[in-house]
């Protein structure tokens, strides 16, 4: 290799700068968080719809729901995340499919695929407590502000695919 080419190569190296590497890392984290929110929202949307009748001539009889008062287990969004991060199996045993009353600070309010939701800050930017509401709650959610302290009641469904802790059938505590 000629000396002239080697000087050109060293002077105009294509090695990425530390700023570029940091910026790409930040974009990667943001992309993963957006994907996690989309997947959990779609999961909420799919599970919140009632089963549809495949045959229009078929009659479906449903039992009326019993009005059994639920006993909500109080927990902060931060403690919920700590439980899932320290031992996911034990946290599922304690919280999954159970009524919980989660207190925390609103981090995000949005509606994706027709499912309104509120994310509560858990202290970890890659993991929120994502609380899915029905469409009748849109007016209540519209009055919320980011940074506001709230208490949400719902059924904990455990950790979603990409990290958020999912709550369904949510309502704001009166």
C-alpha atoms as a PDB file:
ATOM      1  CA  UNK A   1       0.000   0.000   0.000  1.00  0.00           C
ATOM      2  CA  UNK A   2       1.379   3.404  -0.816  1.00  0.00           C
ATOM      3  CA  UNK A   3       2.212   5.888   1.906  1.00  0.00           C
ATOM      4  CA  UNK A   4      -0.054   8.494   0.347  1.00  0.00           C
ATOM      5  CA  UNK A   5      -3.133   6.195   0.661  1.00  0.00           C
ATOM      6  CA  UNK A   6      -2.314   5.353   4.288  1.00  0.00           C
ATOM      7  CA  UNK A   7      -2.110   9.070   5.223  1.00  0.00           C
ATOM      8  CA  UNK A   8      -5.462   9.688   3.476  1.00  0.00           C
ATOM      9  CA  UNK A   9      -7.036   6.754   5.312  1.00  0.00           C
ATOM     10  CA  UNK A  10      -5.850   7.852   8.743  1.00  0.00           C
ATOM     11  CA  UNK A  11      -6.788  11.511   8.202  1.00  0.00           C
ATOM     12  CA  UNK A  12     -10.321  10.758   6.957  1.00  0.00           C
ATOM     13  CA  UNK A  13     -11.208   7.790   9.128  1.00  0.00           C
ATOM     14  CA  UNK A  14     -14.847   6.733   9.103  1.00  0.00           C
ATOM     15  CA  UNK A  15     -14.858   5.701  12.773  1.00  0.00           C
ATOM     16  CA  UNK A  16     -18.039   6.977  14.484  1.00  0.00           C
ATOM     17  CA  UNK A  17     -17.683   9.744  17.043  1.00  0.00           C
ATOM     18  CA  UNK A  18     -18.756   9.208  20.636  1.00  0.00           C
ATOM     19  CA  UNK A  19     -21.613  11.662  20.050  1.00  0.00           C
ATOM     20  CA  UNK A  20     -22.925   9.569  17.149  1.00  0.00           C
ATOM     21  CA  UNK A  21     -22.716   6.350  19.169  1.00  0.00           C
ATOM     22  CA  UNK A  22     -24.550   7.971  22.099  1.00  0.00           C
ATOM     23  CA  UNK A  23     -27.199   9.420  19.822  1.00  0.00           C
ATOM     24  CA  UNK A  24     -27.794   6.056  18.135  1.00  0.00           C
ATOM     25  CA  UNK A  25     -28.038   4.369  21.553  1.00  0.00           C
ATOM     26  CA  UNK A  26     -30.612   6.925  22.684  1.00  0.00           C
ATOM     27  CA  UNK A  27     -32.642   6.441  19.505  1.00  0.00           C
ATOM     28  CA  UNK A  28     -32.537   2.669  20.049  1.00  0.00           C
ATOM     29  CA  UNK A  29     -33.936   2.999  23.588  1.00  0.00           C
ATOM     30  CA  UNK A  30     -36.668   5.373  22.431  1.00  0.00           C
ATOM     31  CA  UNK A  31     -37.601   2.999  19.605  1.00  0.00           C
ATOM     32  CA  UNK A  32     -37.826   0.048  22.020  1.00  0.00           C
ATOM     33  CA  UNK A  33     -40.069   2.026  24.388  1.00  0.00           C
ATOM     34  CA  UNK A  34     -42.383   3.035  21.523  1.00  0.00           C
ATOM     35  CA  UNK A  35     -42.564  -0.578  20.319  1.00  0.00           C
ATOM     36  CA  UNK A  36     -43.323  -1.759  23.874  1.00  0.00           C
ATOM     37  CA  UNK A  37     -46.175   0.729  24.229  1.00  0.00           C
ATOM     38  CA  UNK A  38     -47.603  -0.239  20.838  1.00  0.00           C
ATOM     39  CA  UNK A  39     -47.484  -3.963  21.591  1.00  0.00           C
ATOM     40  CA  UNK A  40     -49.086  -3.624  25.028  1.00  0.00           C
ATOM     41  CA  UNK A  41     -51.752  -1.308  23.650  1.00  0.00           C
ATOM     42  CA  UNK A  42     -52.595  -3.747  20.889  1.00  0.00           C
ATOM     43  CA  UNK A  43     -52.692  -6.520  23.496  1.00  0.00           C
ATOM     44  CA  UNK A  44     -55.122  -4.404  25.574  1.00  0.00           C
ATOM     45  CA  UNK A  45     -57.240  -3.735  22.516  1.00  0.00           C
ATOM     46  CA  UNK A  46     -57.458  -7.392  21.520  1.00  0.00           C
ATOM     47  CA  UNK A  47     -58.285  -8.594  25.031  1.00  0.00           C
ATOM     48  CA  UNK A  48     -60.833  -5.852  25.751  1.00  0.00           C
ATOM     49  CA  UNK A  49     -63.198  -6.750  22.920  1.00  0.00           C
ATOM     50  CA  UNK A  50     -65.985  -9.215  23.559  1.00  0.00           C
ATOM     51  CA  UNK A  51     -66.007 -12.476  21.634  1.00  0.00           C
ATOM     52  CA  UNK A  52     -67.870 -12.170  18.345  1.00  0.00           C
ATOM     53  CA  UNK A  53     -70.451 -14.647  17.170  1.00  0.00           C
ATOM     54  CA  UNK A  54     -69.272 -16.506  14.069  1.00  0.00           C
ATOM     55  CA  UNK A  55     -72.762 -17.644  13.004  1.00  0.00           C
ATOM     56  CA  UNK A  56     -75.390 -14.858  12.823  1.00  0.00           C
ATOM     57  CA  UNK A  57     -78.199 -17.386  13.452  1.00  0.00           C
ATOM     58  CA  UNK A  58     -76.572 -18.615  16.646  1.00  0.00           C
ATOM     59  CA  UNK A  59     -78.011 -17.324  19.911  1.00  0.00           C
ATOM     60  CA  UNK A  60     -75.519 -16.634  22.647  1.00  0.00           C
ATOM     61  CA  UNK A  61     -76.754 -16.543  26.215  1.00  0.00           C
ATOM     62  CA  UNK A  62     -74.510 -14.856  28.732  1.00  0.00           C
ATOM     63  CA  UNK A  63     -74.804 -14.976  32.464  1.00  0.00           C
ATOM     64  CA  UNK A  64     -75.299 -11.609  34.124  1.00  0.00           C
ATOM     65  CA  UNK A  65     -72.183 -10.473  35.926  1.00  0.00           C
ATOM     66  CA  UNK A  66     -72.397 -10.709  39.676  1.00  0.00           C
ATOM     67  CA  UNK A  67     -71.721  -7.516  41.553  1.00  0.00           C
ATOM     68  CA  UNK A  68     -69.075  -8.879  43.897  1.00  0.00           C
ATOM     69  CA  UNK A  69     -67.093  -6.026  45.374  1.00  0.00           C
ATOM     70  CA  UNK A  70     -63.428  -6.326  44.500  1.00  0.00           C
ATOM     71  CA  UNK A  71     -60.797  -5.892  47.164  1.00  0.00           C
ATOM     72  CA  UNK A  72     -58.030  -3.829  45.616  1.00  0.00           C
ATOM     73  CA  UNK A  73     -54.468  -4.369  46.813  1.00  0.00           C
ATOM     74  CA  UNK A  74     -52.794  -0.942  47.199  1.00  0.00           C
ATOM     75  CA  UNK A  75     -49.319  -0.612  45.649  1.00  0.00           C
ATOM     76  CA  UNK A  76     -47.266   2.224  44.212  1.00  0.00           C
ATOM     77  CA  UNK A  77     -46.172   2.074  40.576  1.00  0.00           C
ATOM     78  CA  UNK A  78     -42.539   2.120  41.728  1.00  0.00           C
ATOM     79  CA  UNK A  79     -43.052  -0.811  44.144  1.00  0.00           C
ATOM     80  CA  UNK A  80     -44.838  -2.759  41.422  1.00  0.00           C
ATOM     81  CA  UNK A  81     -41.836  -2.337  39.114  1.00  0.00           C
ATOM     82  CA  UNK A  82     -39.371  -3.233  41.883  1.00  0.00           C
ATOM     83  CA  UNK A  83     -41.349  -6.423  42.571  1.00  0.00           C
ATOM     84  CA  UNK A  84     -41.294  -7.440  38.902  1.00  0.00           C
ATOM     85  CA  UNK A  85     -37.615  -6.572  38.470  1.00  0.00           C
ATOM     86  CA  UNK A  86     -36.462  -8.464  41.566  1.00  0.00           C
ATOM     87  CA  UNK A  87     -38.515 -11.656  40.989  1.00  0.00           C
ATOM     88  CA  UNK A  88     -41.042 -11.798  38.149  1.00  0.00           C
ATOM     89  CA  UNK A  89     -42.422 -15.186  39.193  1.00  0.00           C
ATOM     90  CA  UNK A  90     -43.124 -14.038  42.756  1.00  0.00           C
ATOM     91  CA  UNK A  91     -44.600 -10.761  41.471  1.00  0.00           C
ATOM     92  CA  UNK A  92     -46.917 -12.655  39.086  1.00  0.00           C
ATOM     93  CA  UNK A  93     -48.000 -14.891  41.958  1.00  0.00           C
ATOM     94  CA  UNK A  94     -48.802 -11.825  44.055  1.00  0.00           C
ATOM     95  CA  UNK A  95     -50.298  -9.452  41.466  1.00  0.00           C
ATOM     96  CA  UNK A  96     -51.202 -11.175  38.172  1.00  0.00           C
ATOM     97  CA  UNK A  97     -54.955 -11.325  37.466  1.00  0.00           C
ATOM     98  CA  UNK A  98     -55.571  -9.605  40.794  1.00  0.00           C
ATOM     99  CA  UNK A  99     -57.318  -6.281  41.438  1.00  0.00           C
ATOM    100  CA  UNK A 100     -54.764  -3.622  42.348  1.00  0.00           C
ATOM    101  CA  UNK A 101     -54.945   0.047  43.268  1.00  0.00           C
ATOM    102  CA  UNK A 102     -51.810   1.640  41.815  1.00  0.00           C
ATOM    103  CA  UNK A 103     -50.706   5.089  42.921  1.00  0.00           C
ATOM    104  CA  UNK A 104     -48.236   7.089  40.907  1.00  0.00           C
ATOM    105  CA  UNK A 105     -47.423  10.092  38.769  1.00  0.00           C
ATOM    106  CA  UNK A 106     -48.846  10.356  35.248  1.00  0.00           C
ATOM    107  CA  UNK A 107     -46.069   9.968  32.700  1.00  0.00           C
ATOM    108  CA  UNK A 108     -48.127   9.684  29.508  1.00  0.00           C
ATOM    109  CA  UNK A 109     -51.768   9.912  28.427  1.00  0.00           C
ATOM    110  CA  UNK A 110     -52.620   8.577  24.995  1.00  0.00           C
ATOM    111  CA  UNK A 111     -54.961   6.513  22.857  1.00  0.00           C
ATOM    112  CA  UNK A 112     -53.618   3.923  20.428  1.00  0.00           C
ATOM    113  CA  UNK A 113     -55.718   1.572  18.303  1.00  0.00           C
ATOM    114  CA  UNK A 114     -58.838   2.890  20.005  1.00  0.00           C
ATOM    115  CA  UNK A 115     -57.613   2.022  23.514  1.00  0.00           C
ATOM    116  CA  UNK A 116     -57.153   4.971  25.880  1.00  0.00           C
ATOM    117  CA  UNK A 117     -54.385   4.490  28.434  1.00  0.00           C
ATOM    118  CA  UNK A 118     -52.339   6.221  31.092  1.00  0.00           C
ATOM    119  CA  UNK A 119     -48.738   5.345  31.878  1.00  0.00           C
ATOM    120  CA  UNK A 120     -47.618   5.814  35.463  1.00  0.00           C
ATOM    121  CA  UNK A 121     -43.965   6.555  36.171  1.00  0.00           C
ATOM    122  CA  UNK A 122     -42.156   3.692  37.911  1.00  0.00           C
ATOM    123  CA  UNK A 123     -38.765   5.358  38.135  1.00  0.00           C
ATOM    124  CA  UNK A 124     -37.419   3.370  35.174  1.00  0.00           C
ATOM    125  CA  UNK A 125     -37.833   4.941  31.709  1.00  0.00           C
ATOM    126  CA  UNK A 126     -37.993   1.531  30.036  1.00  0.00           C
ATOM    127  CA  UNK A 127     -40.838   0.255  32.242  1.00  0.00           C
ATOM    128  CA  UNK A 128     -44.129   2.035  32.963  1.00  0.00           C
ATOM    129  CA  UNK A 129     -47.308   0.841  34.624  1.00  0.00           C
ATOM    130  CA  UNK A 130     -49.594   1.004  31.569  1.00  0.00           C
ATOM    131  CA  UNK A 131     -53.241   1.335  32.614  1.00  0.00           C
ATOM    132  CA  UNK A 132     -55.791   0.580  29.856  1.00  0.00           C
ATOM    133  CA  UNK A 133     -59.261   2.127  30.120  1.00  0.00           C
ATOM    134  CA  UNK A 134     -62.473   1.663  28.166  1.00  0.00           C
ATOM    135  CA  UNK A 135     -63.768   4.346  25.806  1.00  0.00           C
ATOM    136  CA  UNK A 136     -66.230   5.628  28.432  1.00  0.00           C
ATOM    137  CA  UNK A 137     -63.258   7.004  30.402  1.00  0.00           C
ATOM    138  CA  UNK A 138     -62.008   9.375  27.694  1.00  0.00           C
ATOM    139  CA  UNK A 139     -63.446  12.489  29.386  1.00  0.00           C
ATOM    140  CA  UNK A 140     -61.785  11.619  32.700  1.00  0.00           C
ATOM    141  CA  UNK A 141     -58.444  10.932  30.986  1.00  0.00           C
ATOM    142  CA  UNK A 142     -58.711  14.169  28.991  1.00  0.00           C
ATOM    143  CA  UNK A 143     -58.716  16.131  32.258  1.00  0.00           C
ATOM    144  CA  UNK A 144     -55.429  14.561  33.456  1.00  0.00           C
ATOM    145  CA  UNK A 145     -52.071  16.290  33.183  1.00  0.00           C
ATOM    146  CA  UNK A 146     -48.573  14.845  32.915  1.00  0.00           C
ATOM    147  CA  UNK A 147     -46.949  14.979  36.367  1.00  0.00           C
ATOM    148  CA  UNK A 148     -50.283  14.696  38.199  1.00  0.00           C
ATOM    149  CA  UNK A 149     -50.466  12.175  41.081  1.00  0.00           C
ATOM    150  CA  UNK A 150     -53.333   9.678  40.607  1.00  0.00           C
ATOM    151  CA  UNK A 151     -54.649   6.384  41.917  1.00  0.00           C
ATOM    152  CA  UNK A 152     -55.823   3.860  39.318  1.00  0.00           C
ATOM    153  CA  UNK A 153     -57.800   0.705  39.989  1.00  0.00           C
ATOM    154  CA  UNK A 154     -57.503  -2.217  37.588  1.00  0.00           C
ATOM    155  CA  UNK A 155     -56.622  -5.853  37.040  1.00  0.00           C
ATOM    156  CA  UNK A 156     -52.885  -6.486  36.812  1.00  0.00           C
ATOM    157  CA  UNK A 157     -51.987  -8.658  33.810  1.00  0.00           C
ATOM    158  CA  UNK A 158     -48.290  -8.874  34.620  1.00  0.00           C
ATOM    159  CA  UNK A 159     -45.316  -7.812  32.564  1.00  0.00           C
ATOM    160  CA  UNK A 160     -45.993  -7.299  28.871  1.00  0.00           C
ATOM    161  CA  UNK A 161     -43.717  -8.488  26.087  1.00  0.00           C
ATOM    162  CA  UNK A 162     -41.271  -5.577  26.118  1.00  0.00           C
ATOM    163  CA  UNK A 163     -41.282  -4.555  29.772  1.00  0.00           C
ATOM    164  CA  UNK A 164     -44.328  -2.481  30.719  1.00  0.00           C
ATOM    165  CA  UNK A 165     -46.519  -3.724  33.540  1.00  0.00           C
ATOM    166  CA  UNK A 166     -50.019  -3.970  32.125  1.00  0.00           C
ATOM    167  CA  UNK A 167     -53.267  -3.156  33.931  1.00  0.00           C
ATOM    168  CA  UNK A 168     -56.647  -3.658  32.265  1.00  0.00           C
ATOM    169  CA  UNK A 169     -60.263  -2.750  33.059  1.00  0.00           C
ATOM    170  CA  UNK A 170     -58.957   0.387  34.750  1.00  0.00           C
ATOM    171  CA  UNK A 171     -60.835   3.208  36.437  1.00  0.00           C
ATOM    172  CA  UNK A 172     -59.739   6.229  38.413  1.00  0.00           C
ATOM    173  CA  UNK A 173     -60.259   5.896  42.145  1.00  0.00           C
ATOM    174  CA  UNK A 174     -63.101   8.147  43.249  1.00  0.00           C
END
